């Protein structure tokens, strides 16, 4: 049995589908039980992010902020996919170890490698990873680049008109399809080894899933325009306006963290890495392919 936390999120939902397709029993950790729909979600594709019941998946209640609540979810589990950033990750991992979990795949972030504890985002990634390293459990850590699915945040602007106004206009990123992150996670979780007990080498590895192309925000908007058949126009959002907008929905220390990454340039997500190809045996998906798979979400 494999437990997937964040099972209705970008990576988790795709991971659940991959594991089910591989014929593995899957338990999805949720805070509220889903509805009884079984159509695969609102977008109706392998990349959809529906929150309904998925055939072959056991949904169980639990809260990563309350490690003791995880005991029923962890019963009989051999592998766990974990989200980062919860306040007692050590407690979560203690529960996993007591339950007999044999491997953990930990989602993290690209900035964790810097070790810069003055940056709020980096700090929780670093502390999450340290808890995994200290747990004594076999682990694989994923440090992906920015998600292609972040483009779904443009929906309010796209509903209002044809202008997409975005911050950090000069920052390139090798954005990654969450499906590719999930595929790397699945490879690590499903690595049962050969008849001699040899694994594929995922244990103790840090992977950096990225896309295969490095695009500016304007280039992403241009691709989306072609996919949607719309005459979209990109506008660069000034830093002061972006900071004010982000501050309305985000704590100040996190706003500062993103400006540290993308204005000061402490995080370079433009680097194209081979990890998706190496682990899954196929190239990472392009932003165009992601946009085409999610065309219905943008047209809704």
C-alpha atoms as a PDB file:
ATOM      1  CA  UNK A   1       0.000   0.000   0.000  1.00  0.00           C
ATOM      2  CA  UNK A   2       1.239   3.469  -0.908  1.00  0.00           C
ATOM      3  CA  UNK A   3       0.017   6.566   0.915  1.00  0.00           C
ATOM      4  CA  UNK A   4      -0.191   9.782  -1.091  1.00  0.00           C
ATOM      5  CA  UNK A   5      -0.491  13.045   0.809  1.00  0.00           C
ATOM      6  CA  UNK A   6      -1.809  16.051  -1.083  1.00  0.00           C
ATOM      7  CA  UNK A   7      -3.744  13.524  -3.130  1.00  0.00           C
ATOM      8  CA  UNK A   8      -6.096  16.110  -4.656  1.00  0.00           C
ATOM      9  CA  UNK A   9      -3.324  18.571  -5.543  1.00  0.00           C
ATOM     10  CA  UNK A  10      -1.315  19.119  -8.704  1.00  0.00           C
ATOM     11  CA  UNK A  11       1.283  16.396  -8.143  1.00  0.00           C
ATOM     12  CA  UNK A  12      -0.669  14.131  -5.816  1.00  0.00           C
ATOM     13  CA  UNK A  13      -3.669  13.678  -8.092  1.00  0.00           C
ATOM     14  CA  UNK A  14      -1.460  12.638 -10.997  1.00  0.00           C
ATOM     15  CA  UNK A  15       0.587  10.361  -8.753  1.00  0.00           C
ATOM     16  CA  UNK A  16      -2.550   8.589  -7.577  1.00  0.00           C
ATOM     17  CA  UNK A  17      -3.592   7.974 -11.186  1.00  0.00           C
ATOM     18  CA  UNK A  18      -0.153   6.654 -12.138  1.00  0.00           C
ATOM     19  CA  UNK A  19      -0.058   4.267  -9.187  1.00  0.00           C
ATOM     20  CA  UNK A  20      -3.576   2.990  -9.852  1.00  0.00           C
ATOM     21  CA  UNK A  21      -2.698   2.431 -13.514  1.00  0.00           C
ATOM     22  CA  UNK A  22       0.314   0.416 -12.332  1.00  0.00           C
ATOM     23  CA  UNK A  23      -2.024  -1.813 -10.358  1.00  0.00           C
ATOM     24  CA  UNK A  24      -0.786  -0.726  -6.934  1.00  0.00           C
ATOM     25  CA  UNK A  25      -3.093  -0.255  -3.942  1.00  0.00           C
ATOM     26  CA  UNK A  26      -3.254   3.444  -3.131  1.00  0.00           C
ATOM     27  CA  UNK A  27      -4.447   5.295  -0.067  1.00  0.00           C
ATOM     28  CA  UNK A  28      -5.143   9.011  -0.475  1.00  0.00           C
ATOM     29  CA  UNK A  29      -4.788  11.224   2.585  1.00  0.00           C
ATOM     30  CA  UNK A  30      -7.492  13.890   2.616  1.00  0.00           C
ATOM     31  CA  UNK A  31      -8.932  16.319   5.169  1.00  0.00           C
ATOM     32  CA  UNK A  32     -12.479  15.785   3.938  1.00  0.00           C
ATOM     33  CA  UNK A  33     -13.843  12.750   2.152  1.00  0.00           C
ATOM     34  CA  UNK A  34     -14.555  13.363  -1.561  1.00  0.00           C
ATOM     35  CA  UNK A  35     -17.842  13.129  -3.372  1.00  0.00           C
ATOM     36  CA  UNK A  36     -18.899   9.890  -4.992  1.00  0.00           C
ATOM     37  CA  UNK A  37     -18.251  10.968  -8.595  1.00  0.00           C
ATOM     38  CA  UNK A  38     -15.958   8.649 -10.516  1.00  0.00           C
ATOM     39  CA  UNK A  39     -15.534  10.468 -13.827  1.00  0.00           C
ATOM     40  CA  UNK A  40     -11.905  11.413 -13.245  1.00  0.00           C
ATOM     41  CA  UNK A  41     -12.546  15.027 -12.337  1.00  0.00           C
ATOM     42  CA  UNK A  42     -13.746  18.278 -13.769  1.00  0.00           C
ATOM     43  CA  UNK A  43     -11.356  18.485 -16.737  1.00  0.00           C
ATOM     44  CA  UNK A  44     -11.722  14.903 -17.902  1.00  0.00           C
ATOM     45  CA  UNK A  45      -8.089  14.148 -18.789  1.00  0.00           C
ATOM     46  CA  UNK A  46      -5.111  12.355 -17.291  1.00  0.00           C
ATOM     47  CA  UNK A  47      -3.922  15.757 -16.091  1.00  0.00           C
ATOM     48  CA  UNK A  48      -7.188  16.738 -14.419  1.00  0.00           C
ATOM     49  CA  UNK A  49      -7.371  17.884 -10.843  1.00  0.00           C
ATOM     50  CA  UNK A  50     -10.797  16.579  -9.882  1.00  0.00           C
ATOM     51  CA  UNK A  51     -11.576  15.888  -6.251  1.00  0.00           C
ATOM     52  CA  UNK A  52     -14.003  13.015  -6.741  1.00  0.00           C
ATOM     53  CA  UNK A  53     -13.596   9.381  -5.752  1.00  0.00           C
ATOM     54  CA  UNK A  54     -11.176   7.555  -8.024  1.00  0.00           C
ATOM     55  CA  UNK A  55     -11.695   3.821  -8.644  1.00  0.00           C
ATOM     56  CA  UNK A  56      -9.112   1.705  -6.856  1.00  0.00           C
ATOM     57  CA  UNK A  57      -8.268   4.413  -4.312  1.00  0.00           C
ATOM     58  CA  UNK A  58      -8.952   4.287  -0.600  1.00  0.00           C
ATOM     59  CA  UNK A  59      -9.525   7.748   0.850  1.00  0.00           C
ATOM     60  CA  UNK A  60      -8.637   8.241   4.503  1.00  0.00           C
ATOM     61  CA  UNK A  61      -8.852  11.249   6.784  1.00  0.00           C
ATOM     62  CA  UNK A  62      -5.732  12.717   8.358  1.00  0.00           C
ATOM     63  CA  UNK A  63      -3.862  15.956   8.962  1.00  0.00           C
ATOM     64  CA  UNK A  64      -0.104  16.365   8.477  1.00  0.00           C
ATOM     65  CA  UNK A  65      -0.202  19.090  11.125  1.00  0.00           C
ATOM     66  CA  UNK A  66      -1.387  16.452  13.602  1.00  0.00           C
ATOM     67  CA  UNK A  67       0.999  13.485  13.245  1.00  0.00           C
ATOM     68  CA  UNK A  68      -0.977  11.305  15.671  1.00  0.00           C
ATOM     69  CA  UNK A  69      -3.973  11.528  13.295  1.00  0.00           C
ATOM     70  CA  UNK A  70      -1.984   9.659  10.659  1.00  0.00           C
ATOM     71  CA  UNK A  71      -1.824   6.285  12.387  1.00  0.00           C
ATOM     72  CA  UNK A  72      -4.894   4.811  10.602  1.00  0.00           C
ATOM     73  CA  UNK A  73      -3.698   6.165   7.257  1.00  0.00           C
ATOM     74  CA  UNK A  74      -0.255   4.613   7.709  1.00  0.00           C
ATOM     75  CA  UNK A  75      -1.475   1.161   8.735  1.00  0.00           C
ATOM     76  CA  UNK A  76      -0.029  -1.378   6.293  1.00  0.00           C
ATOM     77  CA  UNK A  77       1.685   1.286   4.191  1.00  0.00           C
ATOM     78  CA  UNK A  78       5.108   0.568   2.681  1.00  0.00           C
ATOM     79  CA  UNK A  79       5.687   3.798   0.737  1.00  0.00           C
ATOM     80  CA  UNK A  80       4.700   7.423   1.363  1.00  0.00           C
ATOM     81  CA  UNK A  81       4.677  10.533  -0.803  1.00  0.00           C
ATOM     82  CA  UNK A  82       4.971  13.583   1.442  1.00  0.00           C
ATOM     83  CA  UNK A  83       4.282  17.256   0.926  1.00  0.00           C
ATOM     84  CA  UNK A  84       6.733  19.733   2.510  1.00  0.00           C
ATOM     85  CA  UNK A  85       6.428  22.485   5.057  1.00  0.00           C
ATOM     86  CA  UNK A  86       4.346  21.109   7.919  1.00  0.00           C
ATOM     87  CA  UNK A  87       5.377  22.243  11.373  1.00  0.00           C
ATOM     88  CA  UNK A  88       6.149  18.794  12.789  1.00  0.00           C
ATOM     89  CA  UNK A  89       7.643  16.837   9.908  1.00  0.00           C
ATOM     90  CA  UNK A  90       9.776  14.894  12.377  1.00  0.00           C
ATOM     91  CA  UNK A  91       6.585  13.750  14.088  1.00  0.00           C
ATOM     92  CA  UNK A  92       5.061  12.719  10.759  1.00  0.00           C
ATOM     93  CA  UNK A  93       8.139  10.673   9.941  1.00  0.00           C
ATOM     94  CA  UNK A  94       8.180   9.128  13.419  1.00  0.00           C
ATOM     95  CA  UNK A  95       4.655   7.883  12.773  1.00  0.00           C
ATOM     96  CA  UNK A  96       5.752   6.509   9.400  1.00  0.00           C
ATOM     97  CA  UNK A  97       8.697   4.665  10.942  1.00  0.00           C
ATOM     98  CA  UNK A  98       6.516   3.147  13.674  1.00  0.00           C
ATOM     99  CA  UNK A  99       4.078   1.963  11.018  1.00  0.00           C
ATOM    100  CA  UNK A 100       6.830   0.101   9.188  1.00  0.00           C
ATOM    101  CA  UNK A 101       7.055   2.368   6.150  1.00  0.00           C
ATOM    102  CA  UNK A 102       9.943   1.259   3.911  1.00  0.00           C
ATOM    103  CA  UNK A 103      10.469   4.345   1.739  1.00  0.00           C
ATOM    104  CA  UNK A 104       9.566   8.024   1.605  1.00  0.00           C
ATOM    105  CA  UNK A 105       9.449  10.284  -1.426  1.00  0.00           C
ATOM    106  CA  UNK A 106       9.602  13.858  -0.197  1.00  0.00           C
ATOM    107  CA  UNK A 107       8.515  16.786  -2.346  1.00  0.00           C
ATOM    108  CA  UNK A 108      10.725  19.812  -1.750  1.00  0.00           C
ATOM    109  CA  UNK A 109      11.853  22.849  -3.755  1.00  0.00           C
ATOM    110  CA  UNK A 110      14.787  23.953  -5.832  1.00  0.00           C
ATOM    111  CA  UNK A 111      15.920  26.557  -3.336  1.00  0.00           C
ATOM    112  CA  UNK A 112      16.600  23.959  -0.640  1.00  0.00           C
ATOM    113  CA  UNK A 113      20.052  23.383  -2.061  1.00  0.00           C
ATOM    114  CA  UNK A 114      21.134  26.917  -1.123  1.00  0.00           C
ATOM    115  CA  UNK A 115      20.598  26.296   2.590  1.00  0.00           C
ATOM    116  CA  UNK A 116      19.634  29.985   3.001  1.00  0.00           C
ATOM    117  CA  UNK A 117      17.602  29.976   6.207  1.00  0.00           C
ATOM    118  CA  UNK A 118      16.979  33.723   5.948  1.00  0.00           C
ATOM    119  CA  UNK A 119      14.563  33.014   3.085  1.00  0.00           C
ATOM    120  CA  UNK A 120      11.201  31.839   4.466  1.00  0.00           C
ATOM    121  CA  UNK A 121      10.419  29.457   1.601  1.00  0.00           C
ATOM    122  CA  UNK A 122      13.913  27.981   1.552  1.00  0.00           C
ATOM    123  CA  UNK A 123      13.820  27.614   5.328  1.00  0.00           C
ATOM    124  CA  UNK A 124      10.772  25.357   5.396  1.00  0.00           C
ATOM    125  CA  UNK A 125      12.124  23.300   2.503  1.00  0.00           C
ATOM    126  CA  UNK A 126      15.482  22.850   4.234  1.00  0.00           C
ATOM    127  CA  UNK A 127      13.828  21.883   7.524  1.00  0.00           C
ATOM    128  CA  UNK A 128      11.528  19.450   5.754  1.00  0.00           C
ATOM    129  CA  UNK A 129      14.449  17.748   4.039  1.00  0.00           C
ATOM    130  CA  UNK A 130      16.487  17.623   7.244  1.00  0.00           C
ATOM    131  CA  UNK A 131      13.637  15.844   9.000  1.00  0.00           C
ATOM    132  CA  UNK A 132      13.652  13.232   6.235  1.00  0.00           C
ATOM    133  CA  UNK A 133      17.416  12.768   6.404  1.00  0.00           C
ATOM    134  CA  UNK A 134      17.261  12.420  10.203  1.00  0.00           C
ATOM    135  CA  UNK A 135      14.344   9.970  10.153  1.00  0.00           C
ATOM    136  CA  UNK A 136      16.394   6.874   9.381  1.00  0.00           C
ATOM    137  CA  UNK A 137      13.902   5.943   6.642  1.00  0.00           C
ATOM    138  CA  UNK A 138      15.033   5.291   3.075  1.00  0.00           C
ATOM    139  CA  UNK A 139      14.262   8.468   1.134  1.00  0.00           C
ATOM    140  CA  UNK A 140      14.139  10.128  -2.250  1.00  0.00           C
ATOM    141  CA  UNK A 141      13.835  13.932  -2.447  1.00  0.00           C
ATOM    142  CA  UNK A 142      12.324  15.846  -5.370  1.00  0.00           C
ATOM    143  CA  UNK A 143      13.313  19.486  -5.972  1.00  0.00           C
ATOM    144  CA  UNK A 144      11.264  20.502  -9.021  1.00  0.00           C
ATOM    145  CA  UNK A 145      11.334  23.792 -10.863  1.00  0.00           C
ATOM    146  CA  UNK A 146       8.225  26.007 -10.995  1.00  0.00           C
ATOM    147  CA  UNK A 147       5.035  24.186 -11.977  1.00  0.00           C
ATOM    148  CA  UNK A 148       3.422  24.696 -15.377  1.00  0.00           C
ATOM    149  CA  UNK A 149       0.114  24.597 -13.539  1.00  0.00           C
ATOM    150  CA  UNK A 150       0.922  28.002 -12.037  1.00  0.00           C
ATOM    151  CA  UNK A 151      -0.444  29.339 -15.330  1.00  0.00           C
ATOM    152  CA  UNK A 152      -3.922  28.481 -14.053  1.00  0.00           C
ATOM    153  CA  UNK A 153      -3.532  31.553 -11.838  1.00  0.00           C
ATOM    154  CA  UNK A 154      -3.985  33.611 -14.994  1.00  0.00           C
ATOM    155  CA  UNK A 155      -7.606  32.499 -15.338  1.00  0.00           C
ATOM    156  CA  UNK A 156      -9.200  35.627 -13.803  1.00  0.00           C
ATOM    157  CA  UNK A 157      -7.291  37.824 -16.253  1.00  0.00           C
ATOM    158  CA  UNK A 158      -8.195  35.574 -19.183  1.00  0.00           C
ATOM    159  CA  UNK A 159     -11.856  35.722 -18.238  1.00  0.00           C
ATOM    160  CA  UNK A 160     -11.687  39.505 -18.068  1.00  0.00           C
ATOM    161  CA  UNK A 161      -9.947  40.013 -21.416  1.00  0.00           C
ATOM    162  CA  UNK A 162      -6.962  39.236 -23.596  1.00  0.00           C
ATOM    163  CA  UNK A 163      -4.211  40.903 -21.565  1.00  0.00           C
ATOM    164  CA  UNK A 164      -2.075  38.830 -19.214  1.00  0.00           C
ATOM    165  CA  UNK A 165      -0.080  40.981 -16.806  1.00  0.00           C
ATOM    166  CA  UNK A 166       2.616  39.030 -14.956  1.00  0.00           C
ATOM    167  CA  UNK A 167       5.502  39.746 -12.568  1.00  0.00           C
ATOM    168  CA  UNK A 168       9.182  38.887 -13.020  1.00  0.00           C
ATOM    169  CA  UNK A 169       8.950  39.307 -16.795  1.00  0.00           C
ATOM    170  CA  UNK A 170      12.674  38.840 -17.374  1.00  0.00           C
ATOM    171  CA  UNK A 171      12.976  35.553 -15.490  1.00  0.00           C
ATOM    172  CA  UNK A 172      13.288  32.377 -17.518  1.00  0.00           C
ATOM    173  CA  UNK A 173      12.108  29.088 -16.052  1.00  0.00           C
ATOM    174  CA  UNK A 174      12.254  25.478 -17.184  1.00  0.00           C
ATOM    175  CA  UNK A 175       8.774  24.943 -15.785  1.00  0.00           C
ATOM    176  CA  UNK A 176       7.710  21.356 -15.248  1.00  0.00           C
ATOM    177  CA  UNK A 177       4.413  19.547 -15.758  1.00  0.00           C
ATOM    178  CA  UNK A 178       3.270  18.226 -12.359  1.00  0.00           C
ATOM    179  CA  UNK A 179       2.569  14.949 -14.162  1.00  0.00           C
ATOM    180  CA  UNK A 180       6.302  14.585 -14.749  1.00  0.00           C
ATOM    181  CA  UNK A 181       7.044  15.200 -11.064  1.00  0.00           C
ATOM    182  CA  UNK A 182       4.462  12.537 -10.240  1.00  0.00           C
ATOM    183  CA  UNK A 183       6.065  10.143 -12.725  1.00  0.00           C
ATOM    184  CA  UNK A 184       9.454  10.547 -11.051  1.00  0.00           C
ATOM    185  CA  UNK A 185       7.836  10.049  -7.632  1.00  0.00           C
ATOM    186  CA  UNK A 186       6.073   6.910  -8.870  1.00  0.00           C
ATOM    187  CA  UNK A 187       9.319   5.451 -10.188  1.00  0.00           C
ATOM    188  CA  UNK A 188      10.911   5.841  -6.766  1.00  0.00           C
ATOM    189  CA  UNK A 189       7.881   4.474  -4.912  1.00  0.00           C
ATOM    190  CA  UNK A 190       7.483   1.476  -7.239  1.00  0.00           C
ATOM    191  CA  UNK A 191      11.144   0.479  -7.229  1.00  0.00           C
ATOM    192  CA  UNK A 192      10.848  -2.996  -5.713  1.00  0.00           C
ATOM    193  CA  UNK A 193      14.276  -4.144  -6.890  1.00  0.00           C
ATOM    194  CA  UNK A 194      15.247  -7.261  -8.793  1.00  0.00           C
ATOM    195  CA  UNK A 195      15.458 -10.854  -7.592  1.00  0.00           C
ATOM    196  CA  UNK A 196      18.717 -10.012  -5.828  1.00  0.00           C
ATOM    197  CA  UNK A 197      17.195  -7.084  -3.928  1.00  0.00           C
ATOM    198  CA  UNK A 198      18.963  -4.465  -6.036  1.00  0.00           C
ATOM    199  CA  UNK A 199      16.942  -1.267  -6.526  1.00  0.00           C
ATOM    200  CA  UNK A 200      17.089   1.198  -9.366  1.00  0.00           C
ATOM    201  CA  UNK A 201      19.174   3.543  -7.294  1.00  0.00           C
ATOM    202  CA  UNK A 202      16.445   5.968  -6.214  1.00  0.00           C
ATOM    203  CA  UNK A 203      17.167   5.596  -2.505  1.00  0.00           C
ATOM    204  CA  UNK A 204      19.204   8.497  -1.147  1.00  0.00           C
ATOM    205  CA  UNK A 205      18.871  10.468  -4.381  1.00  0.00           C
ATOM    206  CA  UNK A 206      17.869  14.108  -4.861  1.00  0.00           C
ATOM    207  CA  UNK A 207      16.133  14.631  -8.203  1.00  0.00           C
ATOM    208  CA  UNK A 208      15.497  17.963  -9.925  1.00  0.00           C
ATOM    209  CA  UNK A 209      12.517  17.484 -12.273  1.00  0.00           C
ATOM    210  CA  UNK A 210      12.354  20.288 -14.852  1.00  0.00           C
ATOM    211  CA  UNK A 211      10.832  20.862 -18.230  1.00  0.00           C
ATOM    212  CA  UNK A 212      12.849  20.559 -21.390  1.00  0.00           C
ATOM    213  CA  UNK A 213      12.650  24.209 -22.412  1.00  0.00           C
ATOM    214  CA  UNK A 214      13.363  27.466 -20.604  1.00  0.00           C
ATOM    215  CA  UNK A 215      10.712  30.106 -21.283  1.00  0.00           C
ATOM    216  CA  UNK A 216      10.050  33.702 -20.332  1.00  0.00           C
ATOM    217  CA  UNK A 217       6.521  34.535 -19.080  1.00  0.00           C
ATOM    218  CA  UNK A 218       5.815  36.279 -22.393  1.00  0.00           C
ATOM    219  CA  UNK A 219       6.761  33.121 -24.272  1.00  0.00           C
ATOM    220  CA  UNK A 220       4.412  31.041 -22.138  1.00  0.00           C
ATOM    221  CA  UNK A 221       1.585  33.467 -22.854  1.00  0.00           C
ATOM    222  CA  UNK A 222       2.353  33.277 -26.580  1.00  0.00           C
ATOM    223  CA  UNK A 223       2.168  29.471 -26.505  1.00  0.00           C
ATOM    224  CA  UNK A 224      -1.101  29.584 -24.587  1.00  0.00           C
ATOM    225  CA  UNK A 225      -2.512  32.063 -27.104  1.00  0.00           C
ATOM    226  CA  UNK A 226      -1.747  29.646 -29.942  1.00  0.00           C
ATOM    227  CA  UNK A 227      -3.292  26.716 -28.087  1.00  0.00           C
ATOM    228  CA  UNK A 228      -6.466  28.677 -27.269  1.00  0.00           C
ATOM    229  CA  UNK A 229      -6.696  30.453 -30.603  1.00  0.00           C
ATOM    230  CA  UNK A 230      -6.808  33.820 -28.840  1.00  0.00           C
ATOM    231  CA  UNK A 231      -4.934  37.044 -29.504  1.00  0.00           C
ATOM    232  CA  UNK A 232      -3.426  37.331 -26.033  1.00  0.00           C
ATOM    233  CA  UNK A 233      -1.183  40.227 -25.099  1.00  0.00           C
ATOM    234  CA  UNK A 234       1.521  40.057 -22.434  1.00  0.00           C
ATOM    235  CA  UNK A 235       2.295  42.972 -20.123  1.00  0.00           C
ATOM    236  CA  UNK A 236       5.154  43.080 -17.630  1.00  0.00           C
ATOM    237  CA  UNK A 237       3.952  43.936 -14.147  1.00  0.00           C
ATOM    238  CA  UNK A 238       6.236  46.397 -12.329  1.00  0.00           C
ATOM    239  CA  UNK A 239       7.876  45.073  -9.163  1.00  0.00           C
ATOM    240  CA  UNK A 240       6.137  47.543  -6.843  1.00  0.00           C
ATOM    241  CA  UNK A 241       2.728  46.631  -8.230  1.00  0.00           C
ATOM    242  CA  UNK A 242       3.544  42.912  -8.004  1.00  0.00           C
ATOM    243  CA  UNK A 243       4.664  43.272  -4.400  1.00  0.00           C
ATOM    244  CA  UNK A 244       1.468  45.105  -3.447  1.00  0.00           C
ATOM    245  CA  UNK A 245      -0.699  42.491  -5.164  1.00  0.00           C
ATOM    246  CA  UNK A 246       1.133  39.545  -3.611  1.00  0.00           C
ATOM    247  CA  UNK A 247       0.975  41.174  -0.178  1.00  0.00           C
ATOM    248  CA  UNK A 248      -2.813  41.061  -0.251  1.00  0.00           C
ATOM    249  CA  UNK A 249      -2.822  37.251  -0.138  1.00  0.00           C
ATOM    250  CA  UNK A 250       0.614  36.260   1.185  1.00  0.00           C
ATOM    251  CA  UNK A 251       2.538  36.837   4.452  1.00  0.00           C
ATOM    252  CA  UNK A 252       5.293  39.461   4.090  1.00  0.00           C
ATOM    253  CA  UNK A 253       8.115  36.962   4.642  1.00  0.00           C
ATOM    254  CA  UNK A 254       6.905  34.888   1.688  1.00  0.00           C
ATOM    255  CA  UNK A 255       6.570  37.919  -0.549  1.00  0.00           C
ATOM    256  CA  UNK A 256      10.152  38.801   0.384  1.00  0.00           C
ATOM    257  CA  UNK A 257      11.201  35.227  -0.396  1.00  0.00           C
ATOM    258  CA  UNK A 258       9.849  35.347  -3.950  1.00  0.00           C
ATOM    259  CA  UNK A 259      11.422  38.726  -4.596  1.00  0.00           C
ATOM    260  CA  UNK A 260      14.673  37.283  -3.282  1.00  0.00           C
ATOM    261  CA  UNK A 261      14.351  34.431  -5.771  1.00  0.00           C
ATOM    262  CA  UNK A 262      13.252  36.302  -8.860  1.00  0.00           C
ATOM    263  CA  UNK A 263      14.419  39.906  -8.444  1.00  0.00           C
ATOM    264  CA  UNK A 264      17.685  39.387  -6.594  1.00  0.00           C
ATOM    265  CA  UNK A 265      18.184  36.196  -8.593  1.00  0.00           C
ATOM    266  CA  UNK A 266      19.052  33.808  -5.753  1.00  0.00           C
ATOM    267  CA  UNK A 267      17.105  30.981  -7.435  1.00  0.00           C
ATOM    268  CA  UNK A 268      17.832  30.006 -11.029  1.00  0.00           C
ATOM    269  CA  UNK A 269      15.023  27.858 -12.425  1.00  0.00           C
ATOM    270  CA  UNK A 270      16.122  28.330 -16.028  1.00  0.00           C
ATOM    271  CA  UNK A 271      18.452  25.318 -15.917  1.00  0.00           C
ATOM    272  CA  UNK A 272      17.183  22.348 -17.913  1.00  0.00           C
ATOM    273  CA  UNK A 273      18.020  19.104 -16.128  1.00  0.00           C
ATOM    274  CA  UNK A 274      17.835  15.530 -17.454  1.00  0.00           C
ATOM    275  CA  UNK A 275      16.220  13.923 -14.392  1.00  0.00           C
ATOM    276  CA  UNK A 276      12.750  13.312 -15.861  1.00  0.00           C
ATOM    277  CA  UNK A 277      14.270  11.600 -18.906  1.00  0.00           C
ATOM    278  CA  UNK A 278      16.734   9.595 -16.810  1.00  0.00           C
ATOM    279  CA  UNK A 279      14.151   8.349 -14.312  1.00  0.00           C
ATOM    280  CA  UNK A 280      11.105   7.828 -16.537  1.00  0.00           C
ATOM    281  CA  UNK A 281      12.805   6.984 -19.839  1.00  0.00           C
ATOM    282  CA  UNK A 282      10.977   9.716 -21.761  1.00  0.00           C
ATOM    283  CA  UNK A 283      11.498  13.451 -22.213  1.00  0.00           C
ATOM    284  CA  UNK A 284       9.611  15.909 -20.039  1.00  0.00           C
ATOM    285  CA  UNK A 285       6.405  17.340 -21.428  1.00  0.00           C
ATOM    286  CA  UNK A 286       6.424  20.746 -23.039  1.00  0.00           C
ATOM    287  CA  UNK A 287       4.439  23.761 -21.895  1.00  0.00           C
ATOM    288  CA  UNK A 288       2.453  23.454 -25.127  1.00  0.00           C
ATOM    289  CA  UNK A 289       1.523  19.857 -24.310  1.00  0.00           C
ATOM    290  CA  UNK A 290       0.484  20.882 -20.803  1.00  0.00           C
ATOM    291  CA  UNK A 291      -1.623  23.760 -22.141  1.00  0.00           C
ATOM    292  CA  UNK A 292      -3.316  21.508 -24.690  1.00  0.00           C
ATOM    293  CA  UNK A 293      -4.141  18.983 -21.963  1.00  0.00           C
ATOM    294  CA  UNK A 294      -5.704  21.789 -19.909  1.00  0.00           C
ATOM    295  CA  UNK A 295      -7.400  23.665 -22.735  1.00  0.00           C
ATOM    296  CA  UNK A 296     -10.823  22.996 -21.230  1.00  0.00           C
ATOM    297  CA  UNK A 297      -9.848  24.637 -17.939  1.00  0.00           C
ATOM    298  CA  UNK A 298      -8.837  27.815 -19.762  1.00  0.00           C
ATOM    299  CA  UNK A 299     -11.965  27.799 -21.915  1.00  0.00           C
ATOM    300  CA  UNK A 300     -14.418  27.161 -19.067  1.00  0.00           C
END
